[in-house]
């Protein structure tokens, strides 16, 4: 009985795993810098830290929304560009793995990995 369980566990692991999910994961760290530094970083509306900072982002077909806020400066909002993760091509021969990569977002990656922004001062009314 234990042997059947082990075989089932190994089979499930192989069937439900995928190359990009295993090798590159479902998150990616990008560096965010601002001039001036010390701007608050928000990812999808949640405060994450201050610039400069390496920020972990969930991978997916659409990038997460990042906002940089600093008193006296205009808020800068952007979405890092998602591009195809070439590691996913290996799964073309194994369709369930391709589906897992697509579902977890591992099929995509952020490129570039470093973002530099110059914040603009607020205009007087």
C-alpha atoms as a PDB file:
ATOM      1  CA  UNK A   1       0.000   0.000   0.000  1.00  0.00           C
ATOM      2  CA  UNK A   2       2.836   2.396   0.839  1.00  0.00           C
ATOM      3  CA  UNK A   3       4.424   1.729  -2.555  1.00  0.00           C
ATOM      4  CA  UNK A   4       1.174   2.623  -4.365  1.00  0.00           C
ATOM      5  CA  UNK A   5       1.012   5.883  -2.414  1.00  0.00           C
ATOM      6  CA  UNK A   6       4.631   6.727  -3.286  1.00  0.00           C
ATOM      7  CA  UNK A   7       4.040   6.014  -6.981  1.00  0.00           C
ATOM      8  CA  UNK A   8       0.875   8.145  -6.922  1.00  0.00           C
ATOM      9  CA  UNK A   9       2.696  11.011  -5.179  1.00  0.00           C
ATOM     10  CA  UNK A  10       5.598  10.977  -7.634  1.00  0.00           C
ATOM     11  CA  UNK A  11       3.212  10.757 -10.613  1.00  0.00           C
ATOM     12  CA  UNK A  12       1.122  13.676  -9.349  1.00  0.00           C
ATOM     13  CA  UNK A  13       4.266  15.746  -8.811  1.00  0.00           C
ATOM     14  CA  UNK A  14       5.477  15.095 -12.341  1.00  0.00           C
ATOM     15  CA  UNK A  15       2.074  15.724 -13.907  1.00  0.00           C
ATOM     16  CA  UNK A  16       1.370  18.936 -12.020  1.00  0.00           C
ATOM     17  CA  UNK A  17       4.822  20.491 -12.255  1.00  0.00           C
ATOM     18  CA  UNK A  18       5.986  22.712 -15.060  1.00  0.00           C
ATOM     19  CA  UNK A  19       9.368  23.997 -16.156  1.00  0.00           C
ATOM     20  CA  UNK A  20       8.902  27.746 -15.729  1.00  0.00           C
ATOM     21  CA  UNK A  21       7.106  27.351 -12.397  1.00  0.00           C
ATOM     22  CA  UNK A  22       9.891  25.135 -11.052  1.00  0.00           C
ATOM     23  CA  UNK A  23      12.911  26.928 -12.525  1.00  0.00           C
ATOM     24  CA  UNK A  24      11.871  30.592 -12.374  1.00  0.00           C
ATOM     25  CA  UNK A  25       9.000  30.647  -9.852  1.00  0.00           C
ATOM     26  CA  UNK A  26       5.790  32.651  -9.759  1.00  0.00           C
ATOM     27  CA  UNK A  27       7.346  35.874  -8.434  1.00  0.00           C
ATOM     28  CA  UNK A  28      10.241  38.006  -9.618  1.00  0.00           C
ATOM     29  CA  UNK A  29      12.196  40.749  -7.901  1.00  0.00           C
ATOM     30  CA  UNK A  30      12.644  44.066  -9.715  1.00  0.00           C
ATOM     31  CA  UNK A  31      14.713  47.033  -8.550  1.00  0.00           C
ATOM     32  CA  UNK A  32      12.881  50.356  -8.254  1.00  0.00           C
ATOM     33  CA  UNK A  33      14.909  53.561  -7.929  1.00  0.00           C
ATOM     34  CA  UNK A  34      13.755  57.163  -7.808  1.00  0.00           C
ATOM     35  CA  UNK A  35      15.330  60.572  -7.967  1.00  0.00           C
ATOM     36  CA  UNK A  36      14.932  61.919  -5.342  1.00  0.00           C
ATOM     37  CA  UNK A  37      15.107  58.716  -3.259  1.00  0.00           C
ATOM     38  CA  UNK A  38      12.850  57.782  -0.312  1.00  0.00           C
ATOM     39  CA  UNK A  39       9.609  57.699  -2.328  1.00  0.00           C
ATOM     40  CA  UNK A  40       6.979  55.367  -0.899  1.00  0.00           C
ATOM     41  CA  UNK A  41       6.396  52.311  -3.105  1.00  0.00           C
ATOM     42  CA  UNK A  42       2.872  50.903  -3.374  1.00  0.00           C
ATOM     43  CA  UNK A  43       2.159  47.657  -5.225  1.00  0.00           C
ATOM     44  CA  UNK A  44      -1.523  47.359  -6.173  1.00  0.00           C
ATOM     45  CA  UNK A  45      -2.327  49.963  -3.499  1.00  0.00           C
ATOM     46  CA  UNK A  46      -0.375  48.237  -0.699  1.00  0.00           C
ATOM     47  CA  UNK A  47       2.622  50.039   0.814  1.00  0.00           C
ATOM     48  CA  UNK A  48       5.711  47.907   0.194  1.00  0.00           C
ATOM     49  CA  UNK A  49       8.672  50.119   1.153  1.00  0.00           C
ATOM     50  CA  UNK A  50      10.692  53.108  -0.026  1.00  0.00           C
ATOM     51  CA  UNK A  51      13.059  53.663  -2.925  1.00  0.00           C
ATOM     52  CA  UNK A  52      15.599  52.402  -3.677  1.00  0.00           C
ATOM     53  CA  UNK A  53      14.275  48.883  -3.099  1.00  0.00           C
ATOM     54  CA  UNK A  54      14.153  45.442  -4.658  1.00  0.00           C
ATOM     55  CA  UNK A  55      10.437  44.620  -4.839  1.00  0.00           C
ATOM     56  CA  UNK A  56       9.020  41.101  -5.303  1.00  0.00           C
ATOM     57  CA  UNK A  57       6.192  41.080  -7.862  1.00  0.00           C
ATOM     58  CA  UNK A  58       3.765  38.337  -8.862  1.00  0.00           C
ATOM     59  CA  UNK A  59       4.255  37.220 -12.430  1.00  0.00           C
ATOM     60  CA  UNK A  60       1.342  37.198 -14.846  1.00  0.00           C
ATOM     61  CA  UNK A  61       0.044  38.289 -18.217  1.00  0.00           C
ATOM     62  CA  UNK A  62      -0.531  41.796 -16.844  1.00  0.00           C
ATOM     63  CA  UNK A  63       1.992  43.428 -14.542  1.00  0.00           C
ATOM     64  CA  UNK A  64       1.117  44.661 -11.098  1.00  0.00           C
ATOM     65  CA  UNK A  65       0.491  48.394 -10.689  1.00  0.00           C
ATOM     66  CA  UNK A  66       3.238  50.297  -8.894  1.00  0.00           C
ATOM     67  CA  UNK A  67       2.936  53.831  -7.525  1.00  0.00           C
ATOM     68  CA  UNK A  68       5.737  56.050  -6.227  1.00  0.00           C
ATOM     69  CA  UNK A  69       4.667  58.783  -3.792  1.00  0.00           C
ATOM     70  CA  UNK A  70       6.740  61.520  -2.187  1.00  0.00           C
ATOM     71  CA  UNK A  71       5.567  64.737  -0.521  1.00  0.00           C
ATOM     72  CA  UNK A  72       5.980  67.703  -2.844  1.00  0.00           C
ATOM     73  CA  UNK A  73       6.174  65.512  -5.960  1.00  0.00           C
ATOM     74  CA  UNK A  74       3.667  64.153  -8.467  1.00  0.00           C
ATOM     75  CA  UNK A  75       2.664  60.516  -7.947  1.00  0.00           C
ATOM     76  CA  UNK A  76       4.220  58.242 -10.574  1.00  0.00           C
ATOM     77  CA  UNK A  77       2.150  55.161 -11.466  1.00  0.00           C
ATOM     78  CA  UNK A  78       3.283  52.465 -13.878  1.00  0.00           C
ATOM     79  CA  UNK A  79       3.010  48.783 -14.772  1.00  0.00           C
ATOM     80  CA  UNK A  80       6.255  46.905 -15.409  1.00  0.00           C
ATOM     81  CA  UNK A  81       6.288  45.175 -18.792  1.00  0.00           C
ATOM     82  CA  UNK A  82       5.608  41.429 -18.842  1.00  0.00           C
ATOM     83  CA  UNK A  83       7.285  39.393 -21.567  1.00  0.00           C
ATOM     84  CA  UNK A  84       7.191  35.708 -22.478  1.00  0.00           C
ATOM     85  CA  UNK A  85       9.424  33.462 -20.344  1.00  0.00           C
ATOM     86  CA  UNK A  86      11.280  31.240 -22.841  1.00  0.00           C
ATOM     87  CA  UNK A  87      11.635  28.443 -20.256  1.00  0.00           C
ATOM     88  CA  UNK A  88       7.929  27.725 -20.839  1.00  0.00           C
ATOM     89  CA  UNK A  89       8.651  26.481 -24.374  1.00  0.00           C
ATOM     90  CA  UNK A  90       9.923  23.208 -22.891  1.00  0.00           C
ATOM     91  CA  UNK A  91       6.333  22.456 -21.861  1.00  0.00           C
ATOM     92  CA  UNK A  92       5.004  22.421 -25.434  1.00  0.00           C
ATOM     93  CA  UNK A  93       5.638  18.683 -25.330  1.00  0.00           C
ATOM     94  CA  UNK A  94       3.843  18.398 -21.983  1.00  0.00           C
ATOM     95  CA  UNK A  95       0.539  20.282 -22.179  1.00  0.00           C
ATOM     96  CA  UNK A  96      -0.431  19.973 -18.459  1.00  0.00           C
ATOM     97  CA  UNK A  97       2.842  21.710 -17.517  1.00  0.00           C
ATOM     98  CA  UNK A  98       2.133  24.445 -20.063  1.00  0.00           C
ATOM     99  CA  UNK A  99      -1.297  24.973 -18.479  1.00  0.00           C
ATOM    100  CA  UNK A 100       0.240  25.180 -14.983  1.00  0.00           C
ATOM    101  CA  UNK A 101       2.774  27.775 -16.189  1.00  0.00           C
ATOM    102  CA  UNK A 102      -0.046  29.834 -17.689  1.00  0.00           C
ATOM    103  CA  UNK A 103      -2.232  29.555 -14.579  1.00  0.00           C
ATOM    104  CA  UNK A 104       0.551  30.494 -12.133  1.00  0.00           C
ATOM    105  CA  UNK A 105       1.883  33.343 -14.274  1.00  0.00           C
ATOM    106  CA  UNK A 106       5.314  31.692 -14.500  1.00  0.00           C
ATOM    107  CA  UNK A 107       4.954  31.760 -18.294  1.00  0.00           C
ATOM    108  CA  UNK A 108       5.722  35.488 -18.116  1.00  0.00           C
ATOM    109  CA  UNK A 109       8.646  37.511 -16.708  1.00  0.00           C
ATOM    110  CA  UNK A 110       9.399  41.158 -16.035  1.00  0.00           C
ATOM    111  CA  UNK A 111      11.825  42.823 -18.399  1.00  0.00           C
ATOM    112  CA  UNK A 112      13.606  45.119 -17.656  1.00  0.00           C
ATOM    113  CA  UNK A 113      14.491  44.190 -14.068  1.00  0.00           C
ATOM    114  CA  UNK A 114      15.553  47.717 -13.016  1.00  0.00           C
ATOM    115  CA  UNK A 115      13.304  50.796 -13.164  1.00  0.00           C
ATOM    116  CA  UNK A 116      14.666  54.346 -12.727  1.00  0.00           C
ATOM    117  CA  UNK A 117      12.291  57.288 -12.314  1.00  0.00           C
ATOM    118  CA  UNK A 118      12.812  61.023 -11.859  1.00  0.00           C
ATOM    119  CA  UNK A 119       9.875  62.396  -9.914  1.00  0.00           C
ATOM    120  CA  UNK A 120       8.446  65.759 -10.992  1.00  0.00           C
ATOM    121  CA  UNK A 121       7.755  68.479  -8.447  1.00  0.00           C
ATOM    122  CA  UNK A 122       4.124  69.411  -7.916  1.00  0.00           C
ATOM    123  CA  UNK A 123       3.047  72.509  -9.767  1.00  0.00           C
ATOM    124  CA  UNK A 124       1.752  75.428  -7.680  1.00  0.00           C
ATOM    125  CA  UNK A 125      -1.959  76.199  -8.146  1.00  0.00           C
END
